[in-house]
N, C-alpha and C. Protein backbone atom coordinates (compact mmCIF):
# COMPACT_ATOMS: atom_id res chain seq x y z
N UNK A 1 -50.29 -99.80 58.04
CA UNK A 1 -50.85 -98.87 59.00
C UNK A 1 -50.56 -97.45 58.53
N UNK A 2 -51.57 -96.62 58.54
CA UNK A 2 -51.43 -95.24 58.09
C UNK A 2 -51.05 -94.34 59.25
N UNK A 3 -50.22 -93.31 59.01
CA UNK A 3 -49.93 -92.36 60.08
C UNK A 3 -51.21 -91.65 60.50
N UNK A 4 -51.29 -91.22 61.75
CA UNK A 4 -52.51 -90.55 62.21
C UNK A 4 -52.75 -89.24 61.47
N UNK A 5 -54.01 -88.95 61.24
CA UNK A 5 -54.36 -87.66 60.64
C UNK A 5 -54.46 -86.65 61.76
N UNK A 6 -54.41 -85.39 61.41
CA UNK A 6 -54.49 -84.37 62.44
C UNK A 6 -55.35 -83.22 61.98
N UNK A 7 -55.82 -82.47 62.93
CA UNK A 7 -56.61 -81.28 62.66
C UNK A 7 -55.69 -80.21 62.12
N UNK A 8 -56.07 -79.46 61.09
CA UNK A 8 -55.17 -78.47 60.48
C UNK A 8 -54.74 -77.35 61.43
N UNK A 9 -55.47 -77.10 62.50
CA UNK A 9 -55.09 -76.03 63.42
C UNK A 9 -54.18 -76.53 64.54
N UNK A 10 -53.90 -77.83 64.58
CA UNK A 10 -53.02 -78.39 65.58
C UNK A 10 -51.66 -78.71 64.95
N UNK A 11 -50.61 -78.78 65.75
CA UNK A 11 -49.31 -79.15 65.20
C UNK A 11 -49.36 -80.54 64.59
N UNK A 12 -48.55 -80.74 63.57
CA UNK A 12 -48.50 -82.05 62.93
C UNK A 12 -47.94 -83.07 63.91
N UNK A 13 -48.43 -84.31 63.84
CA UNK A 13 -47.90 -85.35 64.73
C UNK A 13 -46.46 -85.67 64.39
N UNK A 14 -45.79 -86.25 65.36
CA UNK A 14 -44.39 -86.66 65.17
C UNK A 14 -44.30 -87.71 64.07
N UNK A 15 -43.28 -87.62 63.27
CA UNK A 15 -43.06 -88.61 62.21
C UNK A 15 -42.02 -89.64 62.64
N UNK A 16 -41.77 -89.72 63.94
CA UNK A 16 -40.77 -90.65 64.47
C UNK A 16 -41.42 -92.02 64.65
N UNK A 17 -41.50 -92.77 63.54
CA UNK A 17 -42.08 -94.11 63.57
C UNK A 17 -41.00 -95.17 63.59
N UNK A 18 -39.75 -94.77 63.89
CA UNK A 18 -38.63 -95.71 63.90
C UNK A 18 -38.72 -96.68 65.05
N UNK A 19 -37.79 -97.62 65.08
CA UNK A 19 -37.80 -98.59 66.17
C UNK A 19 -37.64 -97.91 67.52
N UNK A 20 -38.31 -98.45 68.52
CA UNK A 20 -38.28 -97.86 69.85
C UNK A 20 -36.86 -97.75 70.38
N UNK A 21 -36.01 -98.71 70.07
CA UNK A 21 -34.65 -98.69 70.58
C UNK A 21 -33.83 -97.54 70.00
N UNK A 22 -34.24 -96.99 68.86
CA UNK A 22 -33.50 -95.89 68.23
C UNK A 22 -33.84 -94.55 68.87
N UNK A 23 -34.94 -94.49 69.62
CA UNK A 23 -35.34 -93.24 70.26
C UNK A 23 -34.74 -93.14 71.66
N UNK A 24 -34.49 -91.92 72.09
CA UNK A 24 -33.94 -91.68 73.42
C UNK A 24 -35.01 -91.96 74.46
N UNK A 25 -34.67 -92.76 75.45
CA UNK A 25 -35.61 -93.06 76.53
C UNK A 25 -35.59 -91.93 77.55
N UNK A 26 -36.72 -91.71 78.18
CA UNK A 26 -36.83 -90.68 79.20
C UNK A 26 -36.90 -91.31 80.57
N UNK A 27 -36.37 -90.62 81.54
CA UNK A 27 -36.50 -91.03 82.93
C UNK A 27 -37.67 -90.29 83.53
N UNK A 28 -38.56 -91.01 84.17
CA UNK A 28 -39.73 -90.40 84.78
C UNK A 28 -39.65 -90.64 86.28
N UNK A 29 -39.66 -89.55 87.05
CA UNK A 29 -39.63 -89.63 88.51
C UNK A 29 -40.94 -89.08 89.05
N UNK A 30 -41.52 -89.77 90.01
CA UNK A 30 -42.70 -89.24 90.69
C UNK A 30 -42.24 -88.52 91.94
N UNK A 31 -42.84 -87.39 92.19
CA UNK A 31 -42.44 -86.55 93.32
C UNK A 31 -43.62 -86.42 94.26
N UNK A 32 -43.50 -87.07 95.42
CA UNK A 32 -44.57 -87.02 96.39
C UNK A 32 -44.40 -85.90 97.40
N UNK A 33 -43.42 -85.04 97.24
CA UNK A 33 -43.11 -83.92 98.12
C UNK A 33 -42.51 -84.36 99.45
N UNK A 34 -42.18 -85.64 99.57
CA UNK A 34 -41.55 -86.12 100.79
C UNK A 34 -40.03 -86.03 100.70
N UNK A 35 -39.37 -86.40 101.79
CA UNK A 35 -37.91 -86.30 101.86
C UNK A 35 -37.23 -87.24 100.87
N UNK A 36 -37.72 -88.47 100.74
CA UNK A 36 -37.07 -89.45 99.86
C UNK A 36 -37.15 -89.05 98.40
N UNK A 37 -38.35 -88.70 97.93
CA UNK A 37 -38.49 -88.34 96.52
C UNK A 37 -37.77 -87.03 96.20
N UNK A 38 -37.76 -86.10 97.15
CA UNK A 38 -37.02 -84.84 96.95
C UNK A 38 -35.53 -85.11 96.87
N UNK A 39 -35.02 -85.99 97.73
CA UNK A 39 -33.60 -86.35 97.69
C UNK A 39 -33.23 -87.00 96.37
N UNK A 40 -34.11 -87.86 95.84
CA UNK A 40 -33.84 -88.50 94.54
C UNK A 40 -33.79 -87.48 93.42
N UNK A 41 -34.70 -86.54 93.41
CA UNK A 41 -34.71 -85.51 92.38
C UNK A 41 -33.43 -84.66 92.47
N UNK A 42 -33.05 -84.28 93.67
CA UNK A 42 -31.83 -83.49 93.83
C UNK A 42 -30.60 -84.27 93.38
N UNK A 43 -30.59 -85.56 93.63
CA UNK A 43 -29.47 -86.40 93.19
C UNK A 43 -29.37 -86.38 91.66
N UNK A 44 -30.49 -86.50 90.97
CA UNK A 44 -30.50 -86.48 89.51
C UNK A 44 -30.10 -85.10 88.99
N UNK A 45 -30.59 -84.03 89.60
CA UNK A 45 -30.29 -82.68 89.15
C UNK A 45 -28.81 -82.34 89.36
N UNK A 46 -28.26 -82.74 90.48
CA UNK A 46 -26.86 -82.41 90.79
C UNK A 46 -25.85 -83.23 90.01
N UNK A 47 -26.22 -84.40 89.50
CA UNK A 47 -25.30 -85.23 88.73
C UNK A 47 -26.05 -85.97 87.64
N UNK A 48 -26.55 -85.25 86.63
CA UNK A 48 -27.36 -85.90 85.61
C UNK A 48 -26.59 -86.98 84.84
N UNK A 49 -25.39 -86.69 84.41
CA UNK A 49 -24.63 -87.64 83.60
C UNK A 49 -24.31 -88.89 84.41
N UNK A 50 -23.95 -88.71 85.67
CA UNK A 50 -23.65 -89.84 86.53
C UNK A 50 -24.85 -90.73 86.79
N UNK A 51 -26.05 -90.20 86.56
CA UNK A 51 -27.28 -90.97 86.73
C UNK A 51 -27.89 -91.38 85.40
N UNK A 52 -27.10 -91.29 84.32
CA UNK A 52 -27.55 -91.75 83.01
C UNK A 52 -28.44 -90.80 82.26
N UNK A 53 -28.41 -89.51 82.62
CA UNK A 53 -29.25 -88.52 81.94
C UNK A 53 -28.40 -87.59 81.09
N UNK A 54 -29.08 -86.84 80.24
CA UNK A 54 -28.41 -85.81 79.46
C UNK A 54 -27.97 -84.68 80.39
N UNK A 55 -26.87 -83.99 80.08
CA UNK A 55 -26.40 -82.90 80.95
C UNK A 55 -27.43 -81.79 81.15
N UNK A 56 -28.27 -81.55 80.15
CA UNK A 56 -29.28 -80.48 80.27
C UNK A 56 -30.61 -80.98 80.84
N UNK A 57 -30.66 -82.25 81.26
CA UNK A 57 -31.85 -82.87 81.84
C UNK A 57 -33.04 -82.92 80.87
N UNK A 58 -32.77 -82.85 79.58
CA UNK A 58 -33.85 -82.85 78.59
C UNK A 58 -34.59 -84.19 78.54
N UNK A 59 -34.04 -85.23 79.12
CA UNK A 59 -34.70 -86.53 79.12
C UNK A 59 -35.28 -86.90 80.49
N UNK A 60 -35.42 -85.91 81.37
CA UNK A 60 -35.98 -86.14 82.69
C UNK A 60 -37.38 -85.54 82.78
N UNK A 61 -38.33 -86.34 83.23
CA UNK A 61 -39.70 -85.89 83.44
C UNK A 61 -40.01 -86.12 84.92
N UNK A 62 -40.49 -85.07 85.59
CA UNK A 62 -40.88 -85.17 86.99
C UNK A 62 -42.40 -85.00 87.06
N UNK A 63 -43.07 -85.95 87.70
CA UNK A 63 -44.52 -85.95 87.78
C UNK A 63 -44.94 -85.74 89.23
N UNK A 64 -45.85 -84.81 89.42
CA UNK A 64 -46.43 -84.55 90.74
C UNK A 64 -47.92 -84.30 90.56
N UNK A 65 -48.71 -84.83 91.44
CA UNK A 65 -50.16 -84.63 91.35
C UNK A 65 -50.69 -84.11 92.68
N UNK A 66 -51.47 -83.06 92.62
CA UNK A 66 -52.14 -82.54 93.80
C UNK A 66 -53.56 -83.10 93.73
N UNK A 67 -53.92 -83.91 94.73
CA UNK A 67 -55.19 -84.63 94.67
C UNK A 67 -56.34 -83.87 95.29
N UNK A 68 -56.08 -82.78 95.97
CA UNK A 68 -57.17 -82.00 96.56
C UNK A 68 -57.69 -82.60 97.86
N UNK A 69 -56.79 -83.15 98.65
CA UNK A 69 -57.18 -83.73 99.94
C UNK A 69 -57.85 -82.66 100.80
N UNK A 70 -58.98 -82.99 101.35
CA UNK A 70 -59.75 -82.04 102.15
C UNK A 70 -59.73 -82.50 103.60
N UNK A 71 -59.52 -81.56 104.50
CA UNK A 71 -59.51 -81.90 105.94
C UNK A 71 -60.89 -82.11 106.47
């Protein structure tokens, strides 16, 4: 399998083709703007190491989507 080619004006793709277990896993939290999801995010932010994250939260991804609900 060949590495992906890229457009010369775009950044080069990652060369991290190593085993998945060798790469740092990320935690992904969905944030619905409700009390429960907000409390979970605050728990992770206030004690990242205690929740299995890096101290600088570099492995935490928070996802929120605004769907455009119309009244």
